[in-house]
């Protein structure tokens, strides 16, 4: 098989184009330089604030516990049977709703 000068030149040109493309530096776009960003919806921001407040709230309200202990020790703590029944019913309903 004979190869002409024209074929050799076209192959050389093709390799030069490929080599030039490989050596070409790619400029980063504006979005790459800017970096990552995050945009939260108003609902997500509100949820984040609620979670933060819950995390800062103590598990036990020491002031209330101390007040109740003092009332019990003095014999002043009284709860009506209606209050107990009401809380029992509320708790039962909440358990059913949450439990499915």
Protein backbone atom coordinates (compact mmCIF):
# COMPACT_ATOMS: atom_id res chain seq x y z
CA UNK A 1 0.00 0.00 0.00
CA UNK A 2 1.33 3.37 -1.01
CA UNK A 3 0.89 6.43 1.23
CA UNK A 4 0.98 9.82 -0.43
CA UNK A 5 2.46 13.02 0.99
CA UNK A 6 -1.05 14.44 1.18
CA UNK A 7 -2.18 11.59 3.46
CA UNK A 8 0.90 12.02 5.67
CA UNK A 9 0.28 15.77 5.96
CA UNK A 10 -3.38 15.26 6.87
CA UNK A 11 -2.39 12.81 9.61
CA UNK A 12 0.23 15.26 10.94
CA UNK A 13 -2.33 18.06 10.96
CA UNK A 14 -4.81 15.87 12.82
CA UNK A 15 -2.22 15.02 15.49
CA UNK A 16 -1.21 18.67 15.85
CA UNK A 17 -4.82 19.69 16.39
CA UNK A 18 -5.24 16.97 19.00
CA UNK A 19 -1.97 17.90 20.72
CA UNK A 20 -2.92 21.59 20.77
CA UNK A 21 -6.31 20.76 22.29
CA UNK A 22 -4.70 18.67 25.04
CA UNK A 23 -2.23 21.44 25.92
CA UNK A 24 -4.93 24.11 26.01
CA UNK A 25 -5.76 25.23 29.53
CA UNK A 26 -9.39 25.49 30.44
CA UNK A 27 -10.37 28.65 32.27
CA UNK A 28 -12.67 28.01 35.23
CA UNK A 29 -16.10 29.47 34.91
CA UNK A 30 -17.54 31.97 37.34
CA UNK A 31 -19.71 29.34 39.05
CA UNK A 32 -16.64 27.24 39.87
CA UNK A 33 -14.79 30.18 41.43
CA UNK A 34 -17.83 31.17 43.49
CA UNK A 35 -18.00 27.88 45.39
CA UNK A 36 -20.95 25.98 46.76
CA UNK A 37 -23.99 27.65 48.20
CA UNK A 38 -27.17 26.56 49.93
CA UNK A 39 -30.53 28.29 49.89
CA UNK A 40 -33.05 27.15 52.51
CA UNK A 41 -36.77 27.64 52.23
CA UNK A 42 -38.52 29.70 54.93
CA UNK A 43 -39.99 26.47 56.33
CA UNK A 44 -36.55 24.86 56.59
CA UNK A 45 -35.15 27.96 58.34
CA UNK A 46 -38.04 27.90 60.81
CA UNK A 47 -37.53 24.18 61.46
CA UNK A 48 -33.82 24.79 62.04
CA UNK A 49 -34.65 27.54 64.56
CA UNK A 50 -37.12 25.27 66.37
CA UNK A 51 -34.56 22.44 66.54
CA UNK A 52 -31.97 24.87 67.90
CA UNK A 53 -34.37 26.09 70.60
CA UNK A 54 -35.28 22.54 71.57
CA UNK A 55 -31.61 21.61 71.86
CA UNK A 56 -31.04 24.55 74.21
CA UNK A 57 -34.03 23.69 76.42
CA UNK A 58 -33.06 21.60 79.46
CA UNK A 59 -34.55 18.12 79.82
CA UNK A 60 -35.71 18.84 83.36
CA UNK A 61 -37.15 22.15 84.47
CA UNK A 62 -35.36 22.32 87.81
CA UNK A 63 -37.24 25.41 88.98
CA UNK A 64 -40.62 23.73 88.46
CA UNK A 65 -39.48 20.47 90.07
CA UNK A 66 -38.18 22.34 93.13
CA UNK A 67 -41.47 24.26 93.43
CA UNK A 68 -43.53 21.05 93.20
CA UNK A 69 -41.33 19.25 95.74
CA UNK A 70 -41.75 22.14 98.13
CA UNK A 71 -45.56 22.09 97.67
CA UNK A 72 -45.67 18.33 98.27
CA UNK A 73 -43.45 18.59 101.37
CA UNK A 74 -45.72 21.30 102.82
CA UNK A 75 -48.83 19.26 101.97
CA UNK A 76 -50.12 22.04 99.71
CA UNK A 77 -50.02 20.10 96.42
CA UNK A 78 -53.50 19.08 95.38
CA UNK A 79 -54.83 17.76 92.10
CA UNK A 80 -58.51 17.21 91.46
CA UNK A 81 -59.77 13.90 90.12
CA UNK A 82 -61.18 15.81 87.10
CA UNK A 83 -57.69 17.07 86.25
CA UNK A 84 -56.24 13.56 86.49
CA UNK A 85 -59.02 12.10 84.32
CA UNK A 86 -58.65 14.90 81.76
CA UNK A 87 -54.88 14.36 81.42
CA UNK A 88 -55.35 10.60 81.14
CA UNK A 89 -57.83 11.06 78.27
CA UNK A 90 -55.64 13.61 76.50
CA UNK A 91 -52.62 11.31 76.79
CA UNK A 92 -54.64 8.38 75.45
CA UNK A 93 -55.81 10.39 72.43
CA UNK A 94 -52.31 11.64 71.68
CA UNK A 95 -50.95 8.10 71.89
CA UNK A 96 -53.59 6.89 69.40
CA UNK A 97 -52.88 9.74 66.99
CA UNK A 98 -49.12 9.33 67.13
CA UNK A 99 -49.22 5.52 67.19
CA UNK A 100 -51.44 5.39 64.13
